[in-house]
C-alpha atoms as a PDB file:
ATOM      1  CA  MET A   1      17.979 -22.752 -21.706  1.00  0.00           C
ATOM      2  CA  LEU A   2      16.704 -20.931 -18.658  1.00  0.00           C
ATOM      3  CA  ILE A   3      12.981 -21.567 -18.255  1.00  0.00           C
ATOM      4  CA  HIS A   4      10.766 -19.595 -15.894  1.00  0.00           C
ATOM      5  CA  LYS A   5       7.358 -21.021 -15.114  1.00  0.00           C
ATOM      6  CA  ARG A   6       4.662 -20.246 -12.549  1.00  0.00           C
ATOM      7  CA  SER A   7       4.007 -23.195 -10.231  1.00  0.00           C
ATOM      8  CA  VAL A   8       0.461 -24.538 -10.306  1.00  0.00           C
ATOM      9  CA  LEU A   9       0.912 -25.538  -6.659  1.00  0.00           C
ATOM     10  CA  THR A  10       2.278 -22.335  -5.133  1.00  0.00           C
ATOM     11  CA  GLU A  11       1.782 -19.674  -7.850  1.00  0.00           C
ATOM     12  CA  LYS A  12       5.480 -18.868  -7.339  1.00  0.00           C
ATOM     13  CA  LEU A  13       7.539 -18.039 -10.424  1.00  0.00           C
ATOM     14  CA  ASN A  14      10.218 -20.754 -10.518  1.00  0.00           C
ATOM     15  CA  SER A  15      13.267 -21.077 -12.753  1.00  0.00           C
ATOM     16  CA  MET A  16      15.175 -24.069 -14.031  1.00  0.00           C
ATOM     17  CA  ASP A  17      18.081 -24.265 -16.463  1.00  0.00           C
ATOM     18  CA  LEU A  18      17.233 -27.149 -18.790  1.00  0.00           C
ATOM     19  CA  PRO A  19      19.229 -28.782 -21.586  1.00  0.00           C
ATOM     20  CA  VAL A  20      16.598 -28.013 -24.230  1.00  0.00           C
ATOM     21  CA  THR A  21      16.455 -25.929 -27.376  1.00  0.00           C
ATOM     22  CA  ARG A  22      13.940 -23.337 -28.454  1.00  0.00           C
ATOM     23  CA  GLU A  23      12.990 -25.620 -31.328  1.00  0.00           C
ATOM     24  CA  GLN A  24      12.158 -28.469 -28.935  1.00  0.00           C
ATOM     25  CA  VAL A  25      10.009 -26.203 -26.755  1.00  0.00           C
ATOM     26  CA  ASP A  26       8.122 -24.887 -29.792  1.00  0.00           C
ATOM     27  CA  LYS A  27       7.652 -28.422 -31.134  1.00  0.00           C
ATOM     28  CA  TRP A  28       6.270 -29.641 -27.802  1.00  0.00           C
ATOM     29  CA  ARG A  29       3.876 -26.703 -27.443  1.00  0.00           C
ATOM     30  CA  THR A  30       2.491 -26.915 -30.993  1.00  0.00           C
ATOM     31  CA  SER A  31       2.678 -30.557 -32.076  1.00  0.00           C
ATOM     32  CA  GLY A  32       0.620 -32.352 -29.445  1.00  0.00           C
ATOM     33  CA  MET A  33       3.486 -34.807 -28.961  1.00  0.00           C
ATOM     34  CA  LEU A  34       4.076 -36.342 -25.552  1.00  0.00           C
ATOM     35  CA  ILE A  35       6.628 -34.456 -23.484  1.00  0.00           C
ATOM     36  CA  GLN A  36       8.778 -37.564 -23.027  1.00  0.00           C
ATOM     37  CA  ASP A  37       8.970 -37.991 -26.805  1.00  0.00           C
ATOM     38  CA  VAL A  38      10.113 -34.416 -27.430  1.00  0.00           C
ATOM     39  CA  PHE A  39      12.463 -34.318 -24.419  1.00  0.00           C
ATOM     40  CA  PRO A  40      13.719 -37.913 -24.004  1.00  0.00           C
ATOM     41  CA  THR A  41      16.868 -36.869 -22.133  1.00  0.00           C
ATOM     42  CA  LEU A  42      15.095 -34.842 -19.437  1.00  0.00           C
ATOM     43  CA  THR A  43      14.463 -36.396 -16.050  1.00  0.00           C
ATOM     44  CA  PRO A  44      10.867 -36.833 -14.862  1.00  0.00           C
ATOM     45  CA  ILE A  45      11.414 -33.901 -12.471  1.00  0.00           C
ATOM     46  CA  GLN A  46      12.570 -31.669 -15.324  1.00  0.00           C
ATOM     47  CA  ARG A  47       9.604 -32.693 -17.488  1.00  0.00           C
ATOM     48  CA  GLN A  48       7.206 -32.058 -14.600  1.00  0.00           C
ATOM     49  CA  PHE A  49       8.682 -28.583 -14.249  1.00  0.00           C
ATOM     50  CA  LEU A  50       7.982 -27.880 -17.926  1.00  0.00           C
ATOM     51  CA  LEU A  51       4.413 -29.133 -17.525  1.00  0.00           C
ATOM     52  CA  SER A  52       3.497 -27.440 -14.278  1.00  0.00           C
ATOM     53  CA  GLY A  53       6.264 -25.144 -13.033  1.00  0.00           C
ATOM     54  CA  VAL A  54       6.496 -27.337  -9.942  1.00  0.00           C
ATOM     55  CA  THR A  55       9.996 -27.834  -8.541  1.00  0.00           C
ATOM     56  CA  GLU A  56      11.227 -30.989  -6.864  1.00  0.00           C
ATOM     57  CA  GLU A  57      11.072 -29.254  -3.481  1.00  0.00           C
ATOM     58  CA  GLU A  58       7.460 -28.128  -3.996  1.00  0.00           C
ATOM     59  CA  TRP A  59       6.495 -31.608  -5.153  1.00  0.00           C
ATOM     60  CA  GLU A  60       8.039 -33.265  -2.099  1.00  0.00           C
ATOM     61  CA  LYS A  61       6.425 -30.742   0.243  1.00  0.00           C
ATOM     62  CA  ALA A  62       3.002 -31.223  -1.356  1.00  0.00           C
ATOM     63  CA  PHE A  63       3.037 -34.981  -1.921  1.00  0.00           C
ATOM     64  CA  GLY A  64       5.878 -36.432   0.142  1.00  0.00           C
ATOM     65  CA  ASP A  65       6.907 -39.938  -0.809  1.00  0.00           C
ATOM     66  CA  GLU A  66       6.313 -40.478  -4.513  1.00  0.00           C
ATOM     67  CA  ASP A  67       5.100 -44.021  -3.844  1.00  0.00           C
ATOM     68  CA  ASN A  68       2.049 -42.515  -2.141  1.00  0.00           C
ATOM     69  CA  ILE A  69       1.039 -40.164  -4.966  1.00  0.00           C
ATOM     70  CA  ASP A  70      -2.435 -40.645  -6.382  1.00  0.00           C
ATOM     71  CA  PRO A  71      -2.110 -40.687 -10.202  1.00  0.00           C
ATOM     72  CA  THR A  72      -5.089 -38.343 -10.453  1.00  0.00           C
ATOM     73  CA  ASP A  73      -3.062 -35.678  -8.628  1.00  0.00           C
ATOM     74  CA  LEU A  74      -0.577 -35.680 -11.480  1.00  0.00           C
ATOM     75  CA  MET A  75      -3.402 -35.435 -14.014  1.00  0.00           C
ATOM     76  CA  LYS A  76      -4.907 -32.452 -12.155  1.00  0.00           C
ATOM     77  CA  ILE A  77      -1.555 -30.673 -12.115  1.00  0.00           C
ATOM     78  CA  ALA A  78      -0.899 -31.365 -15.782  1.00  0.00           C
ATOM     79  CA  SER A  79      -4.373 -30.156 -16.773  1.00  0.00           C
ATOM     80  CA  THR A  80      -3.752 -26.758 -15.166  1.00  0.00           C
ATOM     81  CA  ALA A  81      -0.197 -26.459 -16.428  1.00  0.00           C
ATOM     82  CA  GLY A  82       0.968 -24.427 -19.357  1.00  0.00           C
ATOM     83  CA  LYS A  83      -0.317 -21.055 -18.200  1.00  0.00           C
ATOM     84  CA  THR A  84       2.906 -19.181 -18.827  1.00  0.00           C
ATOM     85  CA  VAL A  85       6.351 -20.091 -20.090  1.00  0.00           C
ATOM     86  CA  ILE A  86       8.993 -17.399 -20.168  1.00  0.00           C
ATOM     87  CA  ILE A  87      12.056 -18.306 -22.178  1.00  0.00           C
ATOM     88  CA  VAL A  88      15.303 -16.384 -21.718  1.00  0.00           C
ATOM     89  CA  ASP A  89      18.012 -17.247 -24.216  1.00  0.00           C
ATOM     90  CA  GLY A  90      21.754 -16.901 -23.718  1.00  0.00           C
ATOM     91  CA  GLU A  91      21.700 -13.316 -24.981  1.00  0.00           C
ATOM     92  CA  GLY A  92      19.024 -12.212 -22.506  1.00  0.00           C
ATOM     93  CA  ASN A  93      16.187 -12.132 -25.028  1.00  0.00           C
ATOM     94  CA  VAL A  94      12.826 -12.832 -23.385  1.00  0.00           C
ATOM     95  CA  ASN A  95       9.903 -14.604 -25.013  1.00  0.00           C
ATOM     96  CA  ILE A  96       6.623 -15.139 -23.175  1.00  0.00           C
ATOM     97  CA  LYS A  97       4.289 -17.891 -24.318  1.00  0.00           C
ATOM     98  CA  GLY A  98       0.843 -18.637 -22.985  1.00  0.00           C
ATOM     99  CA  GLU A  99      -1.389 -16.673 -20.655  1.00  0.00           C
ATOM    100  CA  THR A 100       0.250 -14.026 -18.533  1.00  0.00           C
ATOM    101  CA  SER A 101      -2.510 -13.525 -15.978  1.00  0.00           C
END
């Protein structure tokens, strides 16, 4: 499923094609379950994209070596994530969830 999400780091609208279903996305957004429990097959980079819209390239540019990342940085990003998720299915149908401003 093609997911479009605004990056909390750059405010750029990024896209990533993820092996997820609409049902999984809805379950994650409404159930309060941990992202790794709903999407166990996604990589950490893919899950971070769903949380924050941040791509691997943006992450590396902002934080560099992952061994030097302060865990509070991740918490700050996650707390501001979820502003807007735009889901485009295989037929081109668009569904916007969350704030759009």
